[in-house]
Amino acid sequence: MTMTRFTEPTPTRGPGPSHSPPDNMYAPSHSLARGLGWFSIALGAMELLAPKALSDVTGVRCEGLLQAYGLREIACGVGILTSKRPNPGWLWARVAGDVLDLATLGVAMGDADPDRRTNALCSAAAVAGVTALDVMSAVQLTAAAKLEG
């Protein structure tokens, strides 16, 4: 007696839940991605509208740069939230933005003012934590997109 082995599962389609592994409509990474999308919009709005306050909190002196980063955050957040299934490209864009943020904070850690250095270090720790979530979500969504074909 031979058993049939399925090496490539066929994704199911439609709005209902499915117990078929390749159906990614209800993948846990979607809710994380959506949460990161809302976080991106909120952070971007703060960077855009209150750069002086964020400059003081993060230790980054260039307020114009913070506003530009705010636009980037808002664009990523809108990109994540505008589709039924978040596109992994937007999460990878967040990861690239996180790398840029960490580099900027690294420069701020060289500031002569010890308070700004401390603020930059604390901010870098927070960004590193969010980066881990961004990478996790991007990897999961990329894998889900490959299953969907």
N, C-alpha and C. Protein backbone atom coordinates (compact mmCIF):
# COMPACT_ATOMS: atom_id res chain seq x y z
N MET A 1 0.84 -1.17 0.00
CA MET A 1 0.00 0.00 0.00
C MET A 1 0.89 1.24 0.00
N THR A 2 0.71 2.08 -0.96
CA THR A 2 1.48 3.32 -1.03
C THR A 2 0.60 4.49 -0.59
N MET A 3 1.29 5.41 0.08
CA MET A 3 0.58 6.61 0.52
C MET A 3 1.02 7.77 -0.37
N THR A 4 0.06 8.60 -0.71
CA THR A 4 0.37 9.77 -1.51
C THR A 4 0.98 10.83 -0.60
N ARG A 5 2.04 11.38 -1.05
CA ARG A 5 2.70 12.44 -0.28
C ARG A 5 2.58 13.76 -1.04
N PHE A 6 2.12 14.77 -0.35
CA PHE A 6 1.99 16.10 -0.95
C PHE A 6 3.21 16.91 -0.57
N THR A 7 4.00 17.26 -1.54
CA THR A 7 5.22 18.03 -1.23
C THR A 7 4.98 19.53 -1.30
N GLU A 8 4.01 19.94 -2.09
CA GLU A 8 3.72 21.37 -2.20
C GLU A 8 2.25 21.59 -1.91
N PRO A 9 1.92 22.12 -0.74
CA PRO A 9 0.52 22.35 -0.44
C PRO A 9 -0.07 23.43 -1.34
N THR A 10 -1.34 23.28 -1.62
CA THR A 10 -2.04 24.26 -2.45
C THR A 10 -2.74 25.26 -1.53
N PRO A 11 -2.48 26.55 -1.72
CA PRO A 11 -3.12 27.53 -0.85
C PRO A 11 -4.63 27.58 -1.10
N THR A 12 -5.37 27.77 -0.04
CA THR A 12 -6.81 27.94 -0.17
C THR A 12 -7.12 29.40 -0.42
N ARG A 13 -8.24 29.66 -0.98
CA ARG A 13 -8.64 31.03 -1.30
C ARG A 13 -9.96 31.33 -0.60
N GLY A 14 -10.24 32.59 -0.42
CA GLY A 14 -11.53 32.98 0.12
C GLY A 14 -11.42 33.65 1.47
N PRO A 15 -12.54 34.22 1.93
CA PRO A 15 -12.52 35.01 3.16
C PRO A 15 -12.58 34.17 4.44
N GLY A 16 -12.99 32.91 4.35
CA GLY A 16 -13.19 32.13 5.57
C GLY A 16 -11.90 31.57 6.12
N PRO A 17 -11.92 31.21 7.41
CA PRO A 17 -10.72 30.60 7.99
C PRO A 17 -10.49 29.22 7.38
N SER A 18 -9.28 28.80 7.41
CA SER A 18 -8.92 27.52 6.83
C SER A 18 -7.96 26.82 7.76
N HIS A 19 -8.01 25.53 7.72
CA HIS A 19 -7.07 24.75 8.52
C HIS A 19 -5.92 24.26 7.67
N SER A 20 -5.89 24.70 6.44
CA SER A 20 -4.82 24.33 5.53
C SER A 20 -3.60 25.21 5.81
N PRO A 21 -2.44 24.63 6.07
CA PRO A 21 -1.26 25.41 6.46
C PRO A 21 -0.88 26.56 5.52
N PRO A 22 -1.04 26.43 4.19
CA PRO A 22 -0.57 27.53 3.36
C PRO A 22 -1.50 28.74 3.32
N ASP A 23 -2.70 28.63 3.93
CA ASP A 23 -3.61 29.78 3.93
C ASP A 23 -3.11 30.77 4.98
N ASN A 24 -2.59 31.89 4.51
CA ASN A 24 -1.93 32.86 5.39
C ASN A 24 -2.81 34.04 5.76
N MET A 25 -4.07 33.98 5.41
CA MET A 25 -4.95 35.11 5.66
C MET A 25 -5.02 35.44 7.15
N TYR A 26 -4.90 34.44 7.98
CA TYR A 26 -5.03 34.65 9.42
C TYR A 26 -3.72 34.39 10.16
N ALA A 27 -2.62 34.55 9.45
CA ALA A 27 -1.31 34.33 10.05
C ALA A 27 -1.07 35.32 11.19
N PRO A 28 -0.47 34.86 12.29
CA PRO A 28 -0.22 35.75 13.42
C PRO A 28 0.62 36.97 13.05
N SER A 29 1.46 36.84 12.03
CA SER A 29 2.32 37.95 11.65
C SER A 29 1.51 39.13 11.10
N HIS A 30 0.29 38.88 10.64
CA HIS A 30 -0.52 39.97 10.11
C HIS A 30 -0.91 40.95 11.22
N SER A 31 -1.29 40.44 12.37
CA SER A 31 -1.67 41.35 13.46
C SER A 31 -0.45 42.10 13.97
N LEU A 32 0.70 41.46 14.02
CA LEU A 32 1.92 42.15 14.43
C LEU A 32 2.26 43.24 13.40
N ALA A 33 2.15 42.91 12.13
CA ALA A 33 2.45 43.89 11.08
C ALA A 33 1.51 45.08 11.18
N ARG A 34 0.24 44.82 11.40
CA ARG A 34 -0.72 45.93 11.52
C ARG A 34 -0.41 46.79 12.75
N GLY A 35 -0.04 46.16 13.85
CA GLY A 35 0.37 46.93 15.04
C GLY A 35 1.58 47.79 14.76
N LEU A 36 2.54 47.23 14.03
CA LEU A 36 3.73 48.01 13.65
C LEU A 36 3.37 49.14 12.69
N GLY A 37 2.37 48.91 11.85
CA GLY A 37 1.91 49.96 10.94
C GLY A 37 1.33 51.14 11.72
N TRP A 38 0.49 50.85 12.71
CA TRP A 38 -0.07 51.93 13.55
C TRP A 38 1.02 52.62 14.36
N PHE A 39 1.96 51.83 14.88
CA PHE A 39 3.08 52.41 15.63
C PHE A 39 3.88 53.35 14.73
N SER A 40 4.09 52.93 13.49
CA SER A 40 4.85 53.73 12.54
C SER A 40 4.17 55.08 12.29
N ILE A 41 2.87 55.05 12.11
CA ILE A 41 2.13 56.29 11.87
C ILE A 41 2.20 57.20 13.10
N ALA A 42 2.02 56.64 14.29
CA ALA A 42 2.06 57.46 15.51
C ALA A 42 3.45 58.06 15.73
N LEU A 43 4.49 57.24 15.57
CA LEU A 43 5.85 57.75 15.75
C LEU A 43 6.18 58.79 14.68
N GLY A 44 5.79 58.52 13.44
CA GLY A 44 6.04 59.46 12.36
C GLY A 44 5.36 60.80 12.60
N ALA A 45 4.14 60.76 13.12
CA ALA A 45 3.42 62.00 13.41
C ALA A 45 4.15 62.79 14.49
N MET A 46 4.64 62.09 15.50
CA MET A 46 5.40 62.77 16.56
C MET A 46 6.68 63.40 16.01
N GLU A 47 7.39 62.63 15.18
CA GLU A 47 8.64 63.16 14.60
C GLU A 47 8.37 64.36 13.71
N LEU A 48 7.27 64.31 12.98
CA LEU A 48 6.94 65.39 12.06
C LEU A 48 6.43 66.63 12.78
N LEU A 49 5.60 66.44 13.80
CA LEU A 49 4.94 67.56 14.46
C LEU A 49 5.65 68.08 15.71
N ALA A 50 6.46 67.25 16.34
CA ALA A 50 7.15 67.68 17.57
C ALA A 50 8.62 67.31 17.53
N PRO A 51 9.36 67.78 16.52
CA PRO A 51 10.77 67.38 16.41
C PRO A 51 11.64 67.90 17.56
N LYS A 52 11.32 69.06 18.12
CA LYS A 52 12.12 69.61 19.22
C LYS A 52 12.02 68.69 20.44
N ALA A 53 10.81 68.27 20.77
CA ALA A 53 10.62 67.39 21.92
C ALA A 53 11.35 66.06 21.71
N LEU A 54 11.24 65.50 20.50
CA LEU A 54 11.93 64.24 20.23
C LEU A 54 13.44 64.42 20.18
N SER A 55 13.89 65.59 19.76
CA SER A 55 15.32 65.88 19.77
C SER A 55 15.85 65.83 21.19
N ASP A 56 15.11 66.42 22.11
CA ASP A 56 15.52 66.41 23.52
C ASP A 56 15.50 65.01 24.10
N VAL A 57 14.49 64.22 23.74
CA VAL A 57 14.34 62.87 24.29
C VAL A 57 15.37 61.90 23.73
N THR A 58 15.66 62.02 22.43
CA THR A 58 16.55 61.04 21.78
C THR A 58 18.01 61.44 21.76
N GLY A 59 18.30 62.72 21.93
CA GLY A 59 19.68 63.18 21.85
C GLY A 59 20.12 63.54 20.44
N VAL A 60 19.24 63.38 19.46
CA VAL A 60 19.56 63.74 18.07
C VAL A 60 19.32 65.22 17.90
N ARG A 61 20.34 65.96 17.51
CA ARG A 61 20.24 67.42 17.45
C ARG A 61 19.52 67.96 16.21
N CYS A 62 19.53 67.24 15.11
CA CYS A 62 19.01 67.75 13.84
C CYS A 62 17.49 67.50 13.73
N GLU A 63 16.73 68.55 14.00
CA GLU A 63 15.27 68.42 13.99
C GLU A 63 14.73 68.18 12.59
N GLY A 64 15.35 68.76 11.57
CA GLY A 64 14.92 68.53 10.19
C GLY A 64 15.06 67.06 9.80
N LEU A 65 16.11 66.44 10.27
CA LEU A 65 16.31 65.02 10.00
C LEU A 65 15.22 64.19 10.66
N LEU A 66 14.86 64.55 11.89
CA LEU A 66 13.78 63.84 12.58
C LEU A 66 12.47 63.97 11.82
N GLN A 67 12.21 65.15 11.24
CA GLN A 67 10.99 65.34 10.46
C GLN A 67 11.01 64.48 9.20
N ALA A 68 12.15 64.38 8.55
CA ALA A 68 12.27 63.52 7.37
C ALA A 68 12.04 62.06 7.75
N TYR A 69 12.58 61.65 8.89
CA TYR A 69 12.35 60.29 9.37
C TYR A 69 10.88 60.08 9.68
N GLY A 70 10.21 61.14 10.13
CA GLY A 70 8.78 61.05 10.39
C GLY A 70 7.98 60.76 9.13
N LEU A 71 8.35 61.41 8.04
CA LEU A 71 7.68 61.14 6.76
C LEU A 71 7.89 59.69 6.33
N ARG A 72 9.11 59.20 6.53
CA ARG A 72 9.41 57.80 6.20
C ARG A 72 8.54 56.85 7.03
N GLU A 73 8.43 57.12 8.30
CA GLU A 73 7.63 56.27 9.19
C GLU A 73 6.16 56.26 8.76
N ILE A 74 5.63 57.44 8.45
CA ILE A 74 4.23 57.53 8.04
C ILE A 74 4.01 56.76 6.74
N ALA A 75 4.92 56.91 5.78
CA ALA A 75 4.80 56.19 4.51
C ALA A 75 4.79 54.68 4.73
N CYS A 76 5.67 54.19 5.58
CA CYS A 76 5.70 52.75 5.86
C CYS A 76 4.42 52.30 6.55
N GLY A 77 3.95 53.07 7.51
CA GLY A 77 2.73 52.71 8.21
C GLY A 77 1.53 52.64 7.28
N VAL A 78 1.40 53.63 6.42
CA VAL A 78 0.29 53.64 5.46
C VAL A 78 0.43 52.47 4.50
N GLY A 79 1.65 52.19 4.06
CA GLY A 79 1.88 51.05 3.17
C GLY A 79 1.48 49.73 3.79
N ILE A 80 1.77 49.56 5.05
CA ILE A 80 1.41 48.32 5.75
C ILE A 80 -0.10 48.19 5.91
N LEU A 81 -0.75 49.29 6.24
CA LEU A 81 -2.17 49.24 6.59
C LEU A 81 -3.13 49.28 5.39
N THR A 82 -2.64 49.62 4.21
CA THR A 82 -3.56 49.80 3.08
C THR A 82 -3.88 48.52 2.32
N SER A 83 -3.30 47.40 2.68
CA SER A 83 -3.65 46.16 1.98
C SER A 83 -4.22 45.15 2.96
N LYS A 84 -5.03 44.25 2.42
CA LYS A 84 -5.66 43.21 3.25
C LYS A 84 -4.60 42.29 3.86
N ARG A 85 -3.61 41.98 3.05
CA ARG A 85 -2.48 41.17 3.51
C ARG A 85 -1.24 42.05 3.42
N PRO A 86 -0.65 42.41 4.54
CA PRO A 86 0.50 43.32 4.52
C PRO A 86 1.62 42.82 3.60
N ASN A 87 2.14 43.73 2.80
CA ASN A 87 3.24 43.41 1.89
C ASN A 87 4.54 43.39 2.69
N PRO A 88 5.31 42.29 2.61
CA PRO A 88 6.55 42.23 3.39
C PRO A 88 7.55 43.32 3.04
N GLY A 89 7.45 43.88 1.84
CA GLY A 89 8.36 44.95 1.43
C GLY A 89 8.29 46.15 2.37
N TRP A 90 7.10 46.46 2.85
CA TRP A 90 6.95 47.59 3.78
C TRP A 90 7.61 47.30 5.12
N LEU A 91 7.57 46.04 5.55
CA LEU A 91 8.25 45.69 6.80
C LEU A 91 9.76 45.73 6.63
N TRP A 92 10.24 45.29 5.46
CA TRP A 92 11.68 45.38 5.20
C TRP A 92 12.11 46.85 5.11
N ALA A 93 11.22 47.71 4.60
CA ALA A 93 11.53 49.15 4.59
C ALA A 93 11.64 49.68 6.01
N ARG A 94 10.80 49.17 6.91
CA ARG A 94 10.91 49.57 8.31
C ARG A 94 12.26 49.11 8.90
N VAL A 95 12.68 47.90 8.55
CA VAL A 95 13.97 47.40 9.04
C VAL A 95 15.10 48.30 8.54
N ALA A 96 15.06 48.67 7.27
CA ALA A 96 16.09 49.57 6.72
C ALA A 96 16.06 50.91 7.45
N GLY A 97 14.86 51.41 7.73
CA GLY A 97 14.73 52.66 8.48
C GLY A 97 15.29 52.54 9.89
N ASP A 98 15.07 51.38 10.51
CA ASP A 98 15.62 51.15 11.85
C ASP A 98 17.15 51.20 11.84
N VAL A 99 17.74 50.62 10.80
CA VAL A 99 19.21 50.67 10.67
C VAL A 99 19.68 52.12 10.56
N LEU A 100 18.96 52.90 9.77
CA LEU A 100 19.29 54.32 9.63
C LEU A 100 19.12 55.05 10.97
N ASP A 101 18.04 54.75 11.70
CA ASP A 101 17.82 55.35 13.01
C ASP A 101 18.96 55.00 13.98
N LEU A 102 19.36 53.73 13.97
CA LEU A 102 20.44 53.30 14.87
C LEU A 102 21.75 54.00 14.52
N ALA A 103 22.01 54.18 13.23
CA ALA A 103 23.23 54.89 12.82
C ALA A 103 23.19 56.34 13.29
N THR A 104 22.03 56.98 13.16
CA THR A 104 21.87 58.36 13.61
C THR A 104 22.05 58.46 15.12
N LEU A 105 21.48 57.51 15.84
CA LEU A 105 21.64 57.50 17.30
C LEU A 105 23.09 57.22 17.69
N GLY A 106 23.79 56.42 16.89
CA GLY A 106 25.20 56.17 17.14
C GLY A 106 26.01 57.45 17.06
N VAL A 107 25.68 58.30 16.10
CA VAL A 107 26.34 59.60 15.99
C VAL A 107 26.02 60.45 17.22
N ALA A 108 24.75 60.42 17.64
CA ALA A 108 24.33 61.21 18.81
C ALA A 108 25.02 60.74 20.09
N MET A 109 25.41 59.47 20.13
CA MET A 109 26.12 58.96 21.32
C MET A 109 27.50 59.56 21.47
N GLY A 110 28.01 60.18 20.41
CA GLY A 110 29.31 60.84 20.48
C GLY A 110 29.22 62.30 20.90
N ASP A 111 28.03 62.76 21.27
CA ASP A 111 27.82 64.15 21.67
C ASP A 111 28.62 64.47 22.94
N ALA A 112 29.06 65.71 23.04
CA ALA A 112 29.82 66.14 24.22
C ALA A 112 28.95 66.21 25.47
N ASP A 113 27.66 66.44 25.29
CA ASP A 113 26.73 66.55 26.42
C ASP A 113 26.39 65.14 26.94
N PRO A 114 26.74 64.84 28.21
CA PRO A 114 26.49 63.49 28.73
C PRO A 114 25.00 63.13 28.79
N ASP A 115 24.13 64.11 28.99
CA ASP A 115 22.69 63.82 29.01
C ASP A 115 22.21 63.39 27.63
N ARG A 116 22.70 64.05 26.59
CA ARG A 116 22.33 63.67 25.22
C ARG A 116 22.87 62.27 24.89
N ARG A 117 24.07 61.97 25.35
CA ARG A 117 24.63 60.63 25.12
C ARG A 117 23.76 59.57 25.78
N THR A 118 23.34 59.81 27.02
CA THR A 118 22.50 58.86 27.74
C THR A 118 21.16 58.69 27.03
N ASN A 119 20.57 59.81 26.61
CA ASN A 119 19.29 59.75 25.91
C ASN A 119 19.42 58.96 24.60
N ALA A 120 20.53 59.17 23.89
CA ALA A 120 20.75 58.46 22.64
C ALA A 120 20.91 56.96 22.88
N LEU A 121 21.61 56.61 23.95
CA LEU A 121 21.80 55.20 24.28
C LEU A 121 20.48 54.53 24.62
N CYS A 122 19.67 55.18 25.43
CA CYS A 122 18.35 54.63 25.79
C CYS A 122 17.45 54.51 24.55
N SER A 123 17.51 55.51 23.69
CA SER A 123 16.71 55.48 22.46
C SER A 123 17.17 54.35 21.55
N ALA A 124 18.47 54.14 21.47
CA ALA A 124 19.00 53.05 20.64
C ALA A 124 18.53 51.70 21.16
N ALA A 125 18.46 51.54 22.47
CA ALA A 125 17.96 50.28 23.04
C ALA A 125 16.50 50.06 22.65
N ALA A 126 15.70 51.12 22.69
CA ALA A 126 14.29 51.01 22.30
C ALA A 126 14.16 50.68 20.82
N VAL A 127 14.95 51.35 19.98
CA VAL A 127 14.90 51.09 18.54
C VAL A 127 15.34 49.66 18.25
N ALA A 128 16.32 49.17 18.96
CA ALA A 128 16.79 47.79 18.76
C ALA A 128 15.66 46.79 19.06
N GLY A 129 14.88 47.06 20.10
CA GLY A 129 13.75 46.19 20.42
C GLY A 129 12.70 46.19 19.31
N VAL A 130 12.38 47.36 18.80
CA VAL A 130 11.40 47.46 17.72
C VAL A 130 11.97 46.83 16.44
N THR A 131 13.27 46.96 16.23
CA THR A 131 13.90 46.34 15.06
C THR A 131 13.72 44.83 15.10
N ALA A 132 13.85 44.23 16.28
CA ALA A 132 13.65 42.79 16.40
C ALA A 132 12.22 42.40 15.98
N LEU A 133 11.24 43.19 16.39
CA LEU A 133 9.85 42.92 15.98
C LEU A 133 9.68 43.11 14.47
N ASP A 134 10.29 44.15 13.93
CA ASP A 134 10.20 44.40 12.49
C ASP A 134 10.79 43.24 11.69
N VAL A 135 11.96 42.78 12.11
CA VAL A 135 12.62 41.66 11.41
C VAL A 135 11.76 40.40 11.51
N MET A 136 11.25 40.11 12.71
CA MET A 136 10.42 38.92 12.91
C MET A 136 9.19 38.97 11.99
N SER A 137 8.52 40.10 11.96
CA SER A 137 7.33 40.24 11.13
C SER A 137 7.68 40.15 9.65
N ALA A 138 8.75 40.81 9.23
CA ALA A 138 9.16 40.78 7.82
C ALA A 138 9.51 39.36 7.38
N VAL A 139 10.21 38.63 8.21
CA VAL A 139 10.58 37.25 7.87
C VAL A 139 9.32 36.38 7.74
N GLN A 140 8.39 36.52 8.69
CA GLN A 140 7.16 35.72 8.64
C GLN A 140 6.32 36.06 7.41
N LEU A 141 6.19 37.34 7.12
CA LEU A 141 5.39 37.73 5.96
C LEU A 141 6.05 37.33 4.65
N THR A 142 7.37 37.37 4.60
CA THR A 142 8.08 36.92 3.40
C THR A 142 7.86 35.43 3.18
N ALA A 143 7.94 34.63 4.24
CA ALA A 143 7.71 33.19 4.14
C ALA A 143 6.27 32.91 3.72
N ALA A 144 5.32 33.67 4.27
CA ALA A 144 3.91 33.48 3.92
C ALA A 144 3.68 33.83 2.45
N ALA A 145 4.31 34.89 1.97
CA ALA A 145 4.16 35.29 0.57
C ALA A 145 4.72 34.22 -0.37
N LYS A 146 5.80 33.57 0.03
CA LYS A 146 6.38 32.49 -0.80
C LYS A 146 5.43 31.30 -0.86
N LEU A 147 4.74 31.01 0.25
CA LEU A 147 3.79 29.90 0.24
C LEU A 147 2.61 30.19 -0.68
N GLU A 148 2.21 31.44 -0.74
CA GLU A 148 1.08 31.82 -1.58
C GLU A 148 1.44 31.80 -3.05
N GLY A 149 2.73 31.90 -3.32
CA GLY A 149 3.18 31.82 -4.71
C GLY A 149 3.10 33.06 -5.42
